[in-house]
Protein backbone atom coordinates (compact mmCIF):
# COMPACT_ATOMS: atom_id res chain seq x y z
CA MET A 1 14.82 -38.26 3.98
CA ARG A 2 17.00 -35.18 3.63
CA THR A 3 18.06 -33.44 6.79
CA MET A 4 19.14 -29.90 7.54
CA GLU A 5 22.83 -29.20 7.21
CA LYS A 6 24.57 -26.37 9.06
CA ASP A 7 27.00 -23.92 7.51
CA ARG A 8 30.18 -22.56 9.08
CA ASN A 9 28.19 -20.13 11.21
CA GLY A 10 26.00 -22.87 12.55
CA LYS A 11 22.93 -21.71 10.63
CA ALA A 12 20.65 -24.31 9.10
CA SER A 13 20.50 -24.46 5.30
CA GLU A 14 17.57 -25.44 3.09
CA GLY A 15 16.55 -28.97 2.30
CA THR A 16 14.58 -30.99 4.83
CA ALA A 17 11.37 -32.93 5.06
CA SER A 18 11.12 -33.28 8.86
CA GLU A 19 8.32 -31.52 10.72
CA GLN A 20 10.65 -29.41 12.84
CA ASP A 21 12.64 -28.33 9.80
CA LYS A 22 9.53 -27.12 8.00
CA LYS A 23 9.87 -23.89 9.92
CA ARG A 24 10.32 -21.03 7.49
CA LEU A 25 11.37 -17.44 7.81
CA GLY A 26 8.57 -14.97 7.35
CA LEU A 27 7.41 -11.57 8.43
CA ALA A 28 5.79 -11.60 11.87
CA LEU A 29 3.71 -9.04 13.60
CA ALA A 30 6.31 -7.33 15.76
CA ARG A 31 4.32 -4.88 17.84
CA LYS A 32 1.23 -2.71 17.74
CA LEU A 33 1.07 1.05 17.63
CA GLY A 34 -2.34 2.48 18.42
CA GLY A 35 -4.83 0.84 16.10
CA GLY A 36 -2.26 -0.09 13.46
CA THR A 37 0.72 -2.37 13.08
CA VAL A 38 4.34 -1.54 12.45
CA LEU A 39 6.84 -3.84 10.76
CA ILE A 40 10.00 -3.80 12.84
CA SER A 41 11.83 -7.07 12.36
CA PHE A 42 11.72 -10.36 10.55
CA GLU A 43 11.08 -13.30 12.85
CA GLU A 44 10.47 -17.01 12.51
CA HIS A 45 6.92 -18.19 12.37
CA PHE A 46 5.30 -21.55 11.81
CA SER A 47 2.19 -20.75 9.76
CA GLY A 48 2.97 -23.26 7.01
CA ASP A 49 2.30 -21.88 3.54
CA SER A 50 3.83 -18.62 2.34
CA VAL A 51 1.51 -15.65 2.99
CA LEU A 52 2.12 -13.85 -0.31
CA MET A 53 2.47 -17.00 -2.39
CA ASN A 54 -1.31 -17.00 -2.35
CA PRO A 55 -2.24 -14.96 -5.48
CA ILE A 56 -5.32 -13.45 -3.79
CA ARG A 57 -3.27 -12.10 -0.90
CA MET A 58 -0.59 -10.87 -3.28
CA SER A 59 -3.15 -8.96 -5.34
CA LEU A 60 -4.57 -7.30 -2.20
CA PHE A 61 -1.05 -6.45 -1.02
CA ARG A 62 -0.23 -4.82 -4.36
CA GLU A 63 -3.44 -2.73 -4.30
CA ALA A 64 -2.59 -1.54 -0.78
CA LEU A 65 0.80 -0.42 -2.10
CA LYS A 66 -0.88 1.57 -4.87
CA TYR A 67 -3.73 3.02 -2.79
CA PRO A 68 -2.77 3.26 0.90
CA GLY A 69 -5.64 4.09 3.20
CA SER A 70 -8.18 2.16 1.15
CA THR A 71 -11.06 0.41 2.87
CA ALA A 72 -11.45 -3.36 2.74
CA ARG A 73 -14.21 -2.95 0.17
CA GLY A 74 -12.04 -0.65 -1.94
CA LEU A 75 -9.10 -3.07 -1.99
CA VAL A 76 -11.28 -6.07 -2.82
CA LEU A 77 -13.03 -4.22 -5.67
CA ARG A 78 -9.78 -2.86 -7.13
CA ALA A 79 -8.28 -6.35 -7.05
CA GLY A 80 -11.32 -7.69 -8.92
CA LEU A 81 -12.23 -10.12 -6.16
CA GLU A 82 -15.48 -11.36 -4.66
CA PRO A 83 -16.71 -9.83 -1.36
CA HIS A 84 -16.03 -13.01 0.63
CA MET A 85 -12.30 -12.52 -0.05
CA TYR A 86 -12.22 -10.00 2.82
CA ARG A 87 -10.85 -12.72 5.10
CA HIS A 88 -7.50 -12.59 3.30
CA LEU A 89 -7.06 -9.00 4.48
CA HIS A 90 -7.33 -10.18 8.08
CA HIS A 91 -4.61 -12.76 7.41
CA LEU A 92 -2.31 -10.11 5.90
CA ARG A 93 -3.02 -7.79 8.82
CA ASP A 94 -2.43 -10.45 11.49
CA LYS A 95 0.92 -11.39 9.96
CA GLY A 96 2.01 -7.75 9.83
CA TYR A 97 2.08 -7.32 6.04
CA LEU A 98 -0.66 -4.68 6.25
CA GLY A 99 -1.07 -1.95 8.82
CA TRP A 100 -4.53 -0.66 9.64
CA PHE A 101 -6.39 2.06 11.48
CA SER A 102 -10.04 2.80 12.20
CA GLU A 103 -11.85 5.79 10.73
CA GLY A 104 -15.47 5.88 11.80
CA LYS A 105 -17.04 2.59 10.81
CA ASN A 106 -14.30 1.87 8.27
CA THR A 107 -11.02 0.02 8.67
CA ARG A 108 -8.33 1.37 6.36
CA TYR A 109 -5.23 -0.51 5.22
CA TYR A 110 -1.70 0.40 4.15
CA VAL A 111 1.76 -1.19 3.80
CA PRO A 112 3.96 0.03 6.69
CA ILE A 113 7.27 -0.59 4.90
CA GLN A 114 6.12 1.91 2.26
CA ILE A 115 4.37 4.68 4.20
CA SER A 116 4.05 5.71 7.84
CA LEU A 117 0.80 5.73 9.79
CA ASP A 118 1.02 9.51 10.25
CA SER A 119 1.37 10.05 6.50
CA VAL A 120 -1.40 7.71 5.46
CA GLU A 121 -3.81 9.25 7.98
CA LYS A 122 -3.29 12.61 6.27
CA MET A 123 -3.65 11.47 2.69
CA TYR A 124 -6.01 8.49 2.78
CA VAL A 125 -8.83 10.73 1.48
CA LEU A 126 -7.01 10.65 -1.86
CA SER A 127 -7.74 6.91 -2.15
CA ASN A 128 -11.25 8.05 -3.11
CA GLU A 129 -11.08 8.57 -6.89
CA ILE A 130 -13.42 11.60 -6.93
CA THR A 131 -11.60 13.33 -4.05
CA HIS A 132 -8.33 12.58 -5.80
CA ARG A 133 -9.47 14.24 -9.03
CA ILE A 134 -10.90 17.24 -7.21
CA TYR A 135 -7.66 17.78 -5.29
CA HIS A 136 -5.57 17.85 -8.46
CA ALA A 137 -8.11 20.08 -10.17
CA ALA A 138 -7.80 22.56 -7.29
CA ALA A 139 -3.99 22.33 -7.35
CA SER A 140 -3.79 22.95 -11.12
CA VAL A 141 -5.99 26.06 -11.61
CA GLN A 142 -4.79 29.60 -10.96
CA HIS A 143 -7.78 30.69 -8.87
CA PRO A 144 -9.23 27.49 -7.32
CA THR A 145 -12.69 28.67 -6.33
CA LEU A 146 -15.62 26.29 -6.18
CA SER A 147 -16.95 27.58 -9.51
CA SER A 148 -13.61 27.27 -11.34
CA ILE A 149 -13.06 23.75 -10.01
CA ALA A 150 -16.63 22.78 -10.93
CA LYS A 151 -15.88 23.51 -14.61
CA ASN A 152 -13.80 20.32 -14.63
CA PHE A 153 -16.78 18.29 -13.39
CA PRO A 154 -19.84 19.22 -15.46
CA ASP A 155 -21.74 16.12 -14.34
CA MET A 156 -21.22 16.78 -10.62
CA SER A 157 -23.26 19.13 -8.44
CA PRO A 158 -21.51 22.02 -6.62
CA GLN A 159 -22.71 20.60 -3.31
CA ARG A 160 -20.96 17.31 -3.96
CA ILE A 161 -17.75 19.04 -5.03
CA HIS A 162 -17.88 21.19 -1.89
CA TYR A 163 -18.20 18.04 0.24
CA HIS A 164 -14.96 16.62 -1.19
CA LEU A 165 -13.18 19.97 -0.91
CA MET A 166 -14.03 20.20 2.79
CA ALA A 167 -12.77 16.64 3.31
CA LEU A 168 -9.43 17.76 1.84
CA VAL A 169 -9.43 20.88 4.04
CA SER A 170 -10.10 18.80 7.17
CA ARG A 171 -7.03 16.65 6.43
CA GLY A 172 -4.80 19.66 5.84
CA LEU A 173 -4.25 18.96 2.14
CA LEU A 174 -6.09 22.14 1.09
CA GLU A 175 -6.61 25.40 2.93
CA LYS A 176 -9.53 27.74 2.37
CA LYS A 177 -8.60 31.39 1.86
CA GLY A 178 -11.64 33.48 1.13
CA ARG A 179 -13.37 31.76 -1.79
CA GLU A 180 -10.27 29.83 -2.89
CA TYR A 181 -9.10 26.32 -1.96
CA ARG A 182 -5.31 26.27 -2.18
CA SER A 183 -2.90 23.37 -1.80
CA THR A 184 -0.92 23.37 1.45
CA GLY A 185 1.97 21.58 -0.24
CA VAL A 186 1.65 18.54 2.02
CA VAL A 187 1.01 16.12 -0.86
CA GLU A 188 3.87 17.53 -2.95
CA ASP A 189 6.30 17.36 -0.01
CA MET A 190 5.20 13.82 0.77
CA GLN A 191 5.67 12.76 -2.85
CA GLU A 192 9.18 14.20 -2.94
CA ALA A 193 10.12 12.48 0.32
CA MET A 194 8.72 9.13 -0.80
CA GLU A 195 10.49 9.31 -4.15
CA LYS A 196 13.77 9.80 -2.29
CA ASN A 197 12.85 6.87 -0.07
CA ALA A 198 11.89 4.59 -2.98
CA ARG A 199 15.23 2.77 -2.91
CA HIS A 200 14.68 1.81 0.73
CA VAL A 201 11.14 0.63 -0.05
CA GLU A 202 12.52 -1.55 -2.84
CA LYS A 203 15.04 -3.12 -0.47
CA ALA A 204 12.35 -3.71 2.16
CA LEU A 205 10.04 -5.36 -0.39
CA MET A 206 12.80 -7.66 -1.66
CA ASN A 207 13.64 -8.66 1.92
CA LEU A 208 9.96 -9.35 2.62
CA PHE A 209 9.65 -11.58 -0.46
CA LYS A 210 12.82 -13.47 0.48
CA LYS A 211 11.57 -14.08 4.00
CA ASP A 212 8.23 -15.22 2.58
CA ASN A 213 9.93 -17.85 0.39
CA LEU A 214 8.99 -16.19 -2.91
CA ALA A 215 12.57 -16.45 -4.25
CA PRO A 216 12.42 -12.94 -5.78
CA GLU A 217 14.53 -11.77 -8.69
CA ARG A 218 14.67 -8.06 -9.53
CA ILE A 219 13.92 -7.60 -13.23
CA ARG A 220 14.17 -3.83 -13.60
CA ARG A 221 13.16 -0.55 -12.05
CA ARG A 222 11.89 2.59 -13.78
CA LYS A 223 11.38 5.66 -11.63
CA ASN A 224 8.93 4.48 -8.96
CA LEU A 225 7.96 1.19 -10.60
CA LEU A 226 9.62 -2.12 -9.75
CA TRP A 227 9.32 -5.35 -11.73
CA VAL A 228 10.05 -8.50 -9.70
CA GLU A 229 9.84 -12.14 -10.63
CA VAL A 230 8.49 -14.23 -7.76
CA ARG A 231 7.42 -17.80 -7.20
CA GLN A 232 3.66 -18.32 -7.22
CA GLY A 233 2.97 -21.94 -6.35
CA HIS A 234 4.73 -24.16 -8.89
CA ARG A 235 5.43 -21.39 -11.38
CA ARG A 236 7.25 -18.07 -11.52
CA GLU A 237 5.50 -14.83 -12.35
CA THR A 238 6.64 -11.28 -13.08
CA LEU A 239 4.76 -8.69 -11.01
CA LEU A 240 4.77 -4.89 -11.01
CA PHE A 241 5.02 -3.02 -7.71
CA HIS A 242 4.54 0.69 -7.01
CA LEU A 243 7.21 2.04 -4.67
CA VAL A 244 5.32 5.33 -4.32
CA PRO A 245 1.49 5.31 -3.95
CA LEU A 246 -0.57 6.19 -7.01
CA THR A 247 -2.70 8.41 -4.80
CA LEU A 248 0.11 10.97 -4.77
CA TYR A 249 0.04 11.41 -8.54
CA PRO A 250 -2.43 13.31 -10.71
CA PRO A 251 -5.11 10.99 -12.13
CA LYS A 252 -4.88 10.15 -15.81
CA ARG A 253 -7.08 12.22 -18.04
CA THR A 254 -9.89 10.26 -19.64
CA LYS A 255 -11.12 11.22 -23.10
């Protein structure tokens, strides 16, 4: 049986089959802040299998990166999973990979190494596809009144559009001046700040994957997209990660 060998600094190196040496480095839940979790440090834990080596958990983690503030149902549906896969979100949350906060009856998830709790509480309404489209419609027209915005949504009632507009106003993403709903600039400022911070998010993700025994290799990066090759079970797979949430960008136009 192989045993652990120590390097010059006295640190144990890889290669053991003993029970004690099966300890691996991973990301632990460091402390709680309000109703959410904050990733502060990497610590040893003894949970056995890698958290993100499980492809279901990895898919949920990637969707939370793209759409912070999504509900459990939203993440599971976007990942193309069955409803009973909710339990994997609890595992990711308990290990500190996902932060969370309560909003009414819903629990909303995000990745703390990508976005702060304060930021995601402001912009989580954009994780709703309809609200997202209405926001960018309001931000793109010269006089964003209810009637001018409604022209972009011929199949939607004015009452429904007004509901989403008021949700954006309540979160401070739009402000109502007379009949117009104008952008406050919060989303644009947040996007600019997160784009500047993208390099730090990339570094944090690579450190997380290393600590989770995924043996990551950076393939390439283009703007706010990062391609990484990681170990998934007995094979290696190239995955795409969004360093900046998709919710900050205008939705793609559909023909």
